[in-house]
Amino acid sequence: MAKSMTLRLTDEQAATLELVARADGQTLTEAVRIAIDAHIAERRRDKEFKERLRRRHEEERALYERLSG
């Protein structure tokens, strides 16, 4: 299932993204999806991010347990 989102960019970001997408033969949507995938892949390789994610998961798990208990 796809989810629609609104993305607010500066005029410069929007113009640059359009140029990049056209130069790569992509739609704006494809260019944004590729950038998001690259960002996620980078985070998955980042040890500090993974530690922050683990801590956040533990905090939220504890909260869910208190709420459901």
N, C-alpha and C. Protein backbone atom coordinates (compact mmCIF):
# COMPACT_ATOMS: atom_id res chain seq x y z
N MET A 1 0.83 -1.18 0.00
CA MET A 1 0.00 0.00 0.00
C MET A 1 0.88 1.25 0.00
N ALA A 2 0.58 2.18 -0.84
CA ALA A 2 1.35 3.42 -0.92
C ALA A 2 0.73 4.48 -0.03
N LYS A 3 1.55 5.36 0.46
CA LYS A 3 1.09 6.46 1.31
C LYS A 3 1.47 7.77 0.65
N SER A 4 0.52 8.65 0.51
CA SER A 4 0.78 9.98 -0.04
C SER A 4 1.27 10.88 1.08
N MET A 5 2.22 11.74 0.73
CA MET A 5 2.77 12.68 1.71
C MET A 5 2.95 14.04 1.05
N THR A 6 2.92 15.07 1.87
CA THR A 6 3.23 16.41 1.40
C THR A 6 4.64 16.74 1.86
N LEU A 7 5.43 17.25 0.97
CA LEU A 7 6.82 17.58 1.27
C LEU A 7 7.04 19.05 0.96
N ARG A 8 7.45 19.81 1.94
CA ARG A 8 7.71 21.24 1.73
C ARG A 8 9.21 21.43 1.53
N LEU A 9 9.55 21.98 0.39
CA LEU A 9 10.94 22.26 0.03
C LEU A 9 11.12 23.75 -0.18
N THR A 10 12.35 24.20 0.00
CA THR A 10 12.64 25.59 -0.39
C THR A 10 12.58 25.65 -1.91
N ASP A 11 12.49 26.85 -2.43
CA ASP A 11 12.48 27.01 -3.88
C ASP A 11 13.74 26.43 -4.50
N GLU A 12 14.88 26.65 -3.83
CA GLU A 12 16.15 26.14 -4.34
C GLU A 12 16.18 24.62 -4.32
N GLN A 13 15.70 24.01 -3.24
CA GLN A 13 15.66 22.55 -3.16
C GLN A 13 14.77 21.97 -4.27
N ALA A 14 13.61 22.58 -4.46
CA ALA A 14 12.68 22.08 -5.47
C ALA A 14 13.28 22.19 -6.87
N ALA A 15 13.88 23.32 -7.17
CA ALA A 15 14.48 23.52 -8.49
C ALA A 15 15.64 22.56 -8.72
N THR A 16 16.47 22.38 -7.70
CA THR A 16 17.61 21.47 -7.82
C THR A 16 17.14 20.04 -7.98
N LEU A 17 16.14 19.64 -7.19
CA LEU A 17 15.60 18.29 -7.30
C LEU A 17 15.02 18.04 -8.70
N GLU A 18 14.31 19.01 -9.24
CA GLU A 18 13.76 18.86 -10.59
C GLU A 18 14.88 18.67 -11.61
N LEU A 19 15.96 19.45 -11.49
CA LEU A 19 17.08 19.31 -12.42
C LEU A 19 17.75 17.94 -12.29
N VAL A 20 17.95 17.51 -11.06
CA VAL A 20 18.58 16.20 -10.82
C VAL A 20 17.71 15.10 -11.41
N ALA A 21 16.43 15.15 -11.15
CA ALA A 21 15.52 14.12 -11.66
C ALA A 21 15.52 14.09 -13.18
N ARG A 22 15.44 15.26 -13.80
CA ARG A 22 15.45 15.29 -15.27
C ARG A 22 16.75 14.76 -15.83
N ALA A 23 17.87 15.16 -15.22
CA ALA A 23 19.18 14.70 -15.70
C ALA A 23 19.32 13.19 -15.57
N ASP A 24 18.69 12.62 -14.55
CA ASP A 24 18.75 11.17 -14.34
C ASP A 24 17.62 10.43 -15.04
N GLY A 25 16.77 11.17 -15.77
CA GLY A 25 15.66 10.52 -16.47
C GLY A 25 14.62 9.94 -15.54
N GLN A 26 14.39 10.63 -14.42
CA GLN A 26 13.45 10.14 -13.40
C GLN A 26 12.34 11.16 -13.18
N THR A 27 11.25 10.67 -12.61
CA THR A 27 10.23 11.58 -12.13
C THR A 27 10.68 12.13 -10.79
N LEU A 28 10.04 13.20 -10.34
CA LEU A 28 10.35 13.72 -9.01
C LEU A 28 10.10 12.66 -7.95
N THR A 29 9.00 11.95 -8.10
CA THR A 29 8.67 10.90 -7.13
C THR A 29 9.77 9.85 -7.07
N GLU A 30 10.26 9.41 -8.22
CA GLU A 30 11.34 8.42 -8.23
C GLU A 30 12.59 8.96 -7.55
N ALA A 31 12.93 10.22 -7.85
CA ALA A 31 14.13 10.82 -7.26
C ALA A 31 14.01 10.89 -5.74
N VAL A 32 12.83 11.27 -5.24
CA VAL A 32 12.63 11.35 -3.79
C VAL A 32 12.69 9.97 -3.17
N ARG A 33 12.05 8.99 -3.79
CA ARG A 33 12.08 7.63 -3.24
C ARG A 33 13.51 7.08 -3.18
N ILE A 34 14.29 7.33 -4.22
CA ILE A 34 15.68 6.88 -4.24
C ILE A 34 16.48 7.56 -3.12
N ALA A 35 16.25 8.85 -2.93
CA ALA A 35 16.95 9.59 -1.87
C ALA A 35 16.55 9.05 -0.49
N ILE A 36 15.28 8.75 -0.31
CA ILE A 36 14.83 8.20 0.97
C ILE A 36 15.44 6.83 1.21
N ASP A 37 15.46 5.99 0.19
CA ASP A 37 16.07 4.66 0.32
C ASP A 37 17.55 4.78 0.69
N ALA A 38 18.25 5.74 0.07
CA ALA A 38 19.67 5.94 0.36
C ALA A 38 19.86 6.42 1.80
N HIS A 39 18.99 7.29 2.26
CA HIS A 39 19.07 7.80 3.63
C HIS A 39 18.85 6.66 4.63
N ILE A 40 17.87 5.83 4.38
CA ILE A 40 17.58 4.70 5.28
C ILE A 40 18.76 3.73 5.29
N ALA A 41 19.31 3.44 4.12
CA ALA A 41 20.47 2.53 4.05
C ALA A 41 21.65 3.09 4.84
N GLU A 42 21.86 4.41 4.75
CA GLU A 42 22.94 5.05 5.50
C GLU A 42 22.71 4.91 7.00
N ARG A 43 21.48 5.11 7.45
CA ARG A 43 21.17 4.99 8.88
C ARG A 43 21.39 3.56 9.35
N ARG A 44 21.06 2.59 8.52
CA ARG A 44 21.24 1.19 8.91
C ARG A 44 22.71 0.84 9.12
N ARG A 45 23.61 1.57 8.49
CA ARG A 45 25.05 1.33 8.64
C ARG A 45 25.66 2.13 9.80
N ASP A 46 24.91 3.07 10.36
CA ASP A 46 25.40 3.98 11.38
C ASP A 46 25.21 3.37 12.77
N LYS A 47 26.32 3.02 13.43
CA LYS A 47 26.26 2.37 14.73
C LYS A 47 25.62 3.26 15.79
N GLU A 48 25.92 4.55 15.77
CA GLU A 48 25.35 5.46 16.76
C GLU A 48 23.83 5.56 16.58
N PHE A 49 23.39 5.61 15.33
CA PHE A 49 21.94 5.65 15.07
C PHE A 49 21.28 4.39 15.57
N LYS A 50 21.89 3.25 15.29
CA LYS A 50 21.30 1.98 15.73
C LYS A 50 21.19 1.91 17.25
N GLU A 51 22.15 2.48 17.95
CA GLU A 51 22.08 2.51 19.41
C GLU A 51 20.94 3.42 19.87
N ARG A 52 20.80 4.59 19.24
CA ARG A 52 19.68 5.48 19.59
C ARG A 52 18.35 4.79 19.30
N LEU A 53 18.27 4.09 18.20
CA LEU A 53 17.05 3.37 17.84
C LEU A 53 16.74 2.28 18.85
N ARG A 54 17.76 1.54 19.30
CA ARG A 54 17.56 0.49 20.30
C ARG A 54 17.04 1.07 21.61
N ARG A 55 17.67 2.20 22.04
CA ARG A 55 17.21 2.84 23.28
C ARG A 55 15.77 3.32 23.15
N ARG A 56 15.45 3.91 22.01
CA ARG A 56 14.08 4.39 21.79
C ARG A 56 13.09 3.23 21.82
N HIS A 57 13.46 2.14 21.20
CA HIS A 57 12.60 0.95 21.18
C HIS A 57 12.35 0.46 22.60
N GLU A 58 13.38 0.40 23.42
CA GLU A 58 13.24 -0.05 24.81
C GLU A 58 12.33 0.89 25.60
N GLU A 59 12.50 2.19 25.40
CA GLU A 59 11.66 3.16 26.10
C GLU A 59 10.19 2.99 25.70
N GLU A 60 9.94 2.84 24.41
CA GLU A 60 8.57 2.70 23.94
C GLU A 60 7.97 1.36 24.37
N ARG A 61 8.77 0.31 24.36
CA ARG A 61 8.28 -0.99 24.80
C ARG A 61 7.84 -0.93 26.25
N ALA A 62 8.65 -0.27 27.08
CA ALA A 62 8.29 -0.13 28.49
C ALA A 62 7.00 0.67 28.65
N LEU A 63 6.84 1.71 27.86
CA LEU A 63 5.62 2.51 27.92
C LEU A 63 4.41 1.68 27.51
N TYR A 64 4.52 0.93 26.43
CA TYR A 64 3.41 0.08 25.98
C TYR A 64 3.03 -0.94 27.06
N GLU A 65 4.05 -1.49 27.73
CA GLU A 65 3.78 -2.47 28.78
C GLU A 65 3.04 -1.81 29.95
N ARG A 66 3.43 -0.58 30.32
CA ARG A 66 2.73 0.11 31.40
C ARG A 66 1.29 0.43 30.99
N LEU A 67 1.09 0.83 29.76
CA LEU A 67 -0.26 1.18 29.30
C LEU A 67 -1.17 -0.03 29.20
N SER A 68 -0.63 -1.17 28.85
CA SER A 68 -1.46 -2.35 28.65
C SER A 68 -1.62 -3.19 29.93
N GLY A 69 -0.85 -2.85 30.95
CA GLY A 69 -0.82 -3.66 32.16
C GLY A 69 -1.88 -3.36 33.14
